[in-house]
């Protein structure tokens, strides 16, 4: 039953709507703007993988 609700809400976009409204309510309750104004982006390079030539594998600068 719960999976049926989740699937329906996900497929109709209701799950995203719930998430966005909840985030805005929490942020407003904390005295912040409802929408975030910054983001953090991070990436991780693959050092080695089976079947991939070492010349095509990258290294993250913080390693």
PDB file of N, CA and C in Angstrom:
ATOM      1  N   UNK A   1       0.818  -1.192   0.000  1.00  0.00           N
ATOM      2  CA  UNK A   1       0.000   0.000   0.000  1.00  0.00           C
ATOM      3  C   UNK A   1       0.866   1.263   0.000  1.00  0.00           C
ATOM      4  N   UNK A   2       1.873   1.291   0.887  1.00  0.00           N
ATOM      5  CA  UNK A   2       2.736   2.466   0.960  1.00  0.00           C
ATOM      6  C   UNK A   2       3.487   2.659  -0.360  1.00  0.00           C
ATOM      7  N   UNK A   3       3.932   1.558  -0.952  1.00  0.00           N
ATOM      8  CA  UNK A   3       4.657   1.663  -2.224  1.00  0.00           C
ATOM      9  C   UNK A   3       3.752   2.224  -3.320  1.00  0.00           C
ATOM     10  N   UNK A   4       2.490   1.859  -3.304  1.00  0.00           N
ATOM     11  CA  UNK A   4       1.545   2.375  -4.307  1.00  0.00           C
ATOM     12  C   UNK A   4       1.393   3.889  -4.166  1.00  0.00           C
ATOM     13  N   UNK A   5       1.300   4.378  -2.928  1.00  0.00           N
ATOM     14  CA  UNK A   5       1.212   5.829  -2.715  1.00  0.00           C
ATOM     15  C   UNK A   5       2.484   6.507  -3.191  1.00  0.00           C
ATOM     16  N   UNK A   6       3.636   5.967  -2.779  1.00  0.00           N
ATOM     17  CA  UNK A   6       4.915   6.548  -3.186  1.00  0.00           C
ATOM     18  C   UNK A   6       5.025   6.629  -4.707  1.00  0.00           C
ATOM     19  N   UNK A   7       4.703   5.533  -5.380  1.00  0.00           N
ATOM     20  CA  UNK A   7       4.811   5.490  -6.840  1.00  0.00           C
ATOM     21  C   UNK A   7       3.899   6.519  -7.491  1.00  0.00           C
ATOM     22  N   UNK A   8       2.674   6.581  -7.012  1.00  0.00           N
ATOM     23  CA  UNK A   8       1.723   7.546  -7.593  1.00  0.00           C
ATOM     24  C   UNK A   8       2.193   8.977  -7.348  1.00  0.00           C
ATOM     25  N   UNK A   9       2.629   9.280  -6.122  1.00  0.00           N
ATOM     26  CA  UNK A   9       3.095  10.626  -5.803  1.00  0.00           C
ATOM     27  C   UNK A   9       4.341  10.982  -6.604  1.00  0.00           C
ATOM     28  N   UNK A  10       5.264  10.025  -6.754  1.00  0.00           N
ATOM     29  CA  UNK A  10       6.477  10.269  -7.533  1.00  0.00           C
ATOM     30  C   UNK A  10       6.133  10.545  -8.995  1.00  0.00           C
ATOM     31  N   UNK A  11       5.269   9.707  -9.560  1.00  0.00           N
ATOM     32  CA  UNK A  11       4.944   9.819 -10.980  1.00  0.00           C
ATOM     33  C   UNK A  11       4.149  11.081 -11.316  1.00  0.00           C
ATOM     34  N   UNK A  12       3.400  11.608 -10.360  1.00  0.00           N
ATOM     35  CA  UNK A  12       2.611  12.822 -10.614  1.00  0.00           C
ATOM     36  C   UNK A  12       3.331  14.090 -10.181  1.00  0.00           C
ATOM     37  N   UNK A  13       4.518  13.939  -9.585  1.00  0.00           N
ATOM     38  CA  UNK A  13       5.281  15.102  -9.147  1.00  0.00           C
ATOM     39  C   UNK A  13       4.907  15.586  -7.755  1.00  0.00           C
ATOM     40  N   UNK A  14       3.982  14.887  -7.101  1.00  0.00           N
ATOM     41  CA  UNK A  14       3.535  15.296  -5.775  1.00  0.00           C
ATOM     42  C   UNK A  14       4.638  15.130  -4.738  1.00  0.00           C
ATOM     43  N   UNK A  15       5.469  14.131  -4.882  1.00  0.00           N
ATOM     44  CA  UNK A  15       6.568  13.910  -3.938  1.00  0.00           C
ATOM     45  C   UNK A  15       7.529  15.101  -3.963  1.00  0.00           C
ATOM     46  N   UNK A  16       7.852  15.599  -5.130  1.00  0.00           N
ATOM     47  CA  UNK A  16       8.721  16.768  -5.262  1.00  0.00           C
ATOM     48  C   UNK A  16       8.047  17.991  -4.658  1.00  0.00           C
ATOM     49  N   UNK A  17       6.755  18.122  -4.884  1.00  0.00           N
ATOM     50  CA  UNK A  17       5.997  19.242  -4.319  1.00  0.00           C
ATOM     51  C   UNK A  17       6.035  19.196  -2.794  1.00  0.00           C
ATOM     52  N   UNK A  18       5.827  18.027  -2.196  1.00  0.00           N
ATOM     53  CA  UNK A  18       5.913  17.873  -0.742  1.00  0.00           C
ATOM     54  C   UNK A  18       7.288  18.301  -0.243  1.00  0.00           C
ATOM     55  N   UNK A  19       8.309  17.821  -0.906  1.00  0.00           N
ATOM     56  CA  UNK A  19       9.685  18.128  -0.505  1.00  0.00           C
ATOM     57  C   UNK A  19       9.940  19.629  -0.546  1.00  0.00           C
ATOM     58  N   UNK A  20       9.559  20.265  -1.646  1.00  0.00           N
ATOM     59  CA  UNK A  20       9.799  21.700  -1.801  1.00  0.00           C
ATOM     60  C   UNK A  20       9.043  22.517  -0.760  1.00  0.00           C
ATOM     61  N   UNK A  21       7.800  22.158  -0.491  1.00  0.00           N
ATOM     62  CA  UNK A  21       7.008  22.885   0.510  1.00  0.00           C
ATOM     63  C   UNK A  21       7.572  22.693   1.911  1.00  0.00           C
ATOM     64  N   UNK A  22       8.001  21.474   2.206  1.00  0.00           N
ATOM     65  CA  UNK A  22       8.582  21.201   3.522  1.00  0.00           C
ATOM     66  C   UNK A  22       9.867  21.985   3.723  1.00  0.00           C
ATOM     67  N   UNK A  23      10.724  21.977   2.712  1.00  0.00           N
ATOM     68  CA  UNK A  23      11.984  22.722   2.795  1.00  0.00           C
ATOM     69  C   UNK A  23      11.713  24.196   3.024  1.00  0.00           C
ATOM     70  N   UNK A  24      10.763  24.770   2.292  1.00  0.00           N
ATOM     71  CA  UNK A  24      10.430  26.188   2.443  1.00  0.00           C
ATOM     72  C   UNK A  24       9.888  26.476   3.843  1.00  0.00           C
ATOM     73  N   UNK A  25       9.056  25.589   4.377  1.00  0.00           N
ATOM     74  CA  UNK A  25       8.479  25.790   5.709  1.00  0.00           C
ATOM     75  C   UNK A  25       9.565  25.753   6.791  1.00  0.00           C
ATOM     76  N   UNK A  26      10.496  24.806   6.671  1.00  0.00           N
ATOM     77  CA  UNK A  26      11.577  24.695   7.658  1.00  0.00           C
ATOM     78  C   UNK A  26      12.473  25.920   7.588  1.00  0.00           C
ATOM     79  N   UNK A  27      12.833  26.327   6.389  1.00  0.00           N
ATOM     80  CA  UNK A  27      13.699  27.495   6.231  1.00  0.00           C
ATOM     81  C   UNK A  27      13.032  28.754   6.759  1.00  0.00           C
ATOM     82  N   UNK A  28      11.742  28.926   6.489  1.00  0.00           N
ATOM     83  CA  UNK A  28      11.001  30.095   6.968  1.00  0.00           C
ATOM     84  C   UNK A  28      10.933  30.085   8.497  1.00  0.00           C
ATOM     85  N   UNK A  29      10.687  28.907   9.081  1.00  0.00           N
ATOM     86  CA  UNK A  29      10.630  28.784  10.543  1.00  0.00           C
ATOM     87  C   UNK A  29      11.969  29.141  11.183  1.00  0.00           C
ATOM     88  N   UNK A  30      13.067  28.942  10.458  1.00  0.00           N
ATOM     89  CA  UNK A  30      14.405  29.277  10.962  1.00  0.00           C
ATOM     90  C   UNK A  30      14.786  30.734  10.675  1.00  0.00           C
ATOM     91  N   UNK A  31      13.837  31.491  10.089  1.00  0.00           N
ATOM     92  CA  UNK A  31      14.107  32.898   9.788  1.00  0.00           C
ATOM     93  C   UNK A  31      14.927  33.109   8.535  1.00  0.00           C
ATOM     94  N   UNK A  32      14.936  32.115   7.653  1.00  0.00           N
ATOM     95  CA  UNK A  32      15.701  32.211   6.410  1.00  0.00           C
ATOM     96  C   UNK A  32      14.757  32.359   5.234  1.00  0.00           C
ATOM     97  N   UNK A  33      15.303  32.717   4.101  1.00  0.00           N
ATOM     98  CA  UNK A  33      14.512  32.791   2.875  1.00  0.00           C
ATOM     99  C   UNK A  33      14.019  31.390   2.522  1.00  0.00           C
ATOM    100  N   UNK A  34      12.802  31.278   1.972  1.00  0.00           N
ATOM    101  CA  UNK A  34      12.258  29.959   1.642  1.00  0.00           C
ATOM    102  C   UNK A  34      13.086  29.172   0.625  1.00  0.00           C
ATOM    103  N   UNK A  35      13.716  29.849  -0.309  1.00  0.00           N
ATOM    104  CA  UNK A  35      14.509  29.181  -1.340  1.00  0.00           C
ATOM    105  C   UNK A  35      15.993  29.357  -1.066  1.00  0.00           C
ATOM    106  N   UNK A  36      16.778  28.278  -1.182  1.00  0.00           N
ATOM    107  CA  UNK A  36      18.226  28.400  -0.989  1.00  0.00           C
ATOM    108  C   UNK A  36      18.846  29.254  -2.097  1.00  0.00           C
ATOM    109  N   UNK A  37      19.936  29.950  -1.749  1.00  0.00           N
ATOM    110  CA  UNK A  37      20.574  30.830  -2.730  1.00  0.00           C
ATOM    111  C   UNK A  37      21.972  30.362  -3.114  1.00  0.00           C
ATOM    112  N   UNK A  38      22.423  29.247  -2.547  1.00  0.00           N
ATOM    113  CA  UNK A  38      23.755  28.741  -2.858  1.00  0.00           C
ATOM    114  C   UNK A  38      23.717  27.216  -2.908  1.00  0.00           C
ATOM    115  N   UNK A  39      24.737  26.653  -3.534  1.00  0.00           N
ATOM    116  CA  UNK A  39      24.826  25.197  -3.618  1.00  0.00           C
ATOM    117  C   UNK A  39      26.288  24.794  -3.554  1.00  0.00           C
ATOM    118  N   UNK A  40      26.533  23.569  -3.157  1.00  0.00           N
ATOM    119  CA  UNK A  40      27.880  23.010  -3.136  1.00  0.00           C
ATOM    120  C   UNK A  40      27.917  21.886  -4.155  1.00  0.00           C
ATOM    121  N   UNK A  41      28.894  21.936  -5.022  1.00  0.00           N
ATOM    122  CA  UNK A  41      29.036  20.908  -6.049  1.00  0.00           C
ATOM    123  C   UNK A  41      30.384  20.234  -5.837  1.00  0.00           C
ATOM    124  N   UNK A  42      30.369  18.921  -5.824  1.00  0.00           N
ATOM    125  CA  UNK A  42      31.592  18.164  -5.618  1.00  0.00           C
ATOM    126  C   UNK A  42      31.621  17.041  -6.648  1.00  0.00           C
ATOM    127  N   UNK A  43      32.804  16.604  -6.975  1.00  0.00           N
ATOM    128  CA  UNK A  43      32.918  15.495  -7.920  1.00  0.00           C
ATOM    129  C   UNK A  43      34.028  14.569  -7.459  1.00  0.00           C
ATOM    130  N   UNK A  44      33.982  13.375  -7.959  1.00  0.00           N
ATOM    131  CA  UNK A  44      35.013  12.394  -7.620  1.00  0.00           C
ATOM    132  C   UNK A  44      35.417  11.683  -8.902  1.00  0.00           C
ATOM    133  N   UNK A  45      36.679  11.705  -9.185  1.00  0.00           N
ATOM    134  CA  UNK A  45      37.179  11.039 -10.380  1.00  0.00           C
ATOM    135  C   UNK A  45      37.467   9.581 -10.081  1.00  0.00           C
ATOM    136  N   UNK A  46      37.384   8.764 -11.108  1.00  0.00           N
ATOM    137  CA  UNK A  46      37.688   7.347 -10.974  1.00  0.00           C
ATOM    138  C   UNK A  46      39.191   7.180 -11.104  1.00  0.00           C
ATOM    139  N   UNK A  47      39.822   6.580 -10.096  1.00  0.00           N
ATOM    140  CA  UNK A  47      41.262   6.362 -10.151  1.00  0.00           C
ATOM    141  C   UNK A  47      41.593   5.204 -11.072  1.00  0.00           C
ATOM    142  N   UNK A  48      40.847   4.143 -10.972  1.00  0.00           N
ATOM    143  CA  UNK A  48      41.108   2.981 -11.810  1.00  0.00           C
ATOM    144  C   UNK A  48      39.852   2.122 -11.853  1.00  0.00           C
ATOM    145  N   UNK A  49      39.626   1.514 -12.956  1.00  0.00           N
ATOM    146  CA  UNK A  49      38.487   0.619 -13.098  1.00  0.00           C
ATOM    147  C   UNK A  49      38.885  -0.501 -14.042  1.00  0.00           C
ATOM    148  N   UNK A  50      38.362  -1.660 -13.795  1.00  0.00           N
ATOM    149  CA  UNK A  50      38.673  -2.809 -14.636  1.00  0.00           C
ATOM    150  C   UNK A  50      38.245  -2.523 -16.075  1.00  0.00           C
ATOM    151  N   UNK A  51      39.109  -2.762 -16.991  1.00  0.00           N
ATOM    152  CA  UNK A  51      38.779  -2.591 -18.405  1.00  0.00           C
ATOM    153  C   UNK A  51      38.915  -1.169 -18.927  1.00  0.00           C
ATOM    154  N   UNK A  52      39.419  -0.248 -18.092  1.00  0.00           N
ATOM    155  CA  UNK A  52      39.587   1.145 -18.522  1.00  0.00           C
ATOM    156  C   UNK A  52      41.081   1.460 -18.539  1.00  0.00           C
ATOM    157  N   UNK A  53      41.540   1.998 -19.650  1.00  0.00           N
ATOM    158  CA  UNK A  53      42.958   2.337 -19.772  1.00  0.00           C
ATOM    159  C   UNK A  53      43.331   3.394 -18.731  1.00  0.00           C
ATOM    160  N   UNK A  54      44.511   3.289 -18.141  1.00  0.00           N
ATOM    161  CA  UNK A  54      44.932   4.234 -17.105  1.00  0.00           C
ATOM    162  C   UNK A  54      45.037   5.660 -17.653  1.00  0.00           C
ATOM    163  N   UNK A  55      45.284   5.810 -18.927  1.00  0.00           N
ATOM    164  CA  UNK A  55      45.394   7.147 -19.513  1.00  0.00           C
ATOM    165  C   UNK A  55      44.053   7.882 -19.550  1.00  0.00           C
ATOM    166  N   UNK A  56      42.950   7.140 -19.382  1.00  0.00           N
ATOM    167  CA  UNK A  56      41.644   7.792 -19.408  1.00  0.00           C
ATOM    168  C   UNK A  56      41.065   7.992 -18.018  1.00  0.00           C
ATOM    169  N   UNK A  57      41.785   7.553 -16.976  1.00  0.00           N
ATOM    170  CA  UNK A  57      41.304   7.705 -15.604  1.00  0.00           C
ATOM    171  C   UNK A  57      41.876   8.984 -15.006  1.00  0.00           C
ATOM    172  N   UNK A  58      41.048   9.743 -14.326  1.00  0.00           N
ATOM    173  CA  UNK A  58      41.482  10.992 -13.738  1.00  0.00           C
ATOM    174  C   UNK A  58      41.763  10.866 -12.263  1.00  0.00           C
ATOM    175  N   UNK A  59      42.306  11.939 -11.712  1.00  0.00           N
ATOM    176  CA  UNK A  59      42.581  12.008 -10.290  1.00  0.00           C
ATOM    177  C   UNK A  59      42.027  13.312  -9.745  1.00  0.00           C
ATOM    178  N   UNK A  60      41.333  13.232  -8.616  1.00  0.00           N
ATOM    179  CA  UNK A  60      40.794  14.419  -7.963  1.00  0.00           C
ATOM    180  C   UNK A  60      41.967  15.187  -7.360  1.00  0.00           C
ATOM    181  N   UNK A  61      41.969  16.499  -7.448  1.00  0.00           N
ATOM    182  CA  UNK A  61      43.071  17.310  -6.968  1.00  0.00           C
ATOM    183  C   UNK A  61      43.334  17.203  -5.471  1.00  0.00           C
ATOM    184  N   UNK A  62      42.323  16.810  -4.694  1.00  0.00           N
ATOM    185  CA  UNK A  62      42.491  16.735  -3.242  1.00  0.00           C
ATOM    186  C   UNK A  62      43.031  15.391  -2.787  1.00  0.00           C
ATOM    187  N   UNK A  63      43.325  14.485  -3.712  1.00  0.00           N
ATOM    188  CA  UNK A  63      43.803  13.142  -3.325  1.00  0.00           C
ATOM    189  C   UNK A  63      45.219  13.177  -2.851  1.00  0.00           C
TER     190      UNK A  63
END
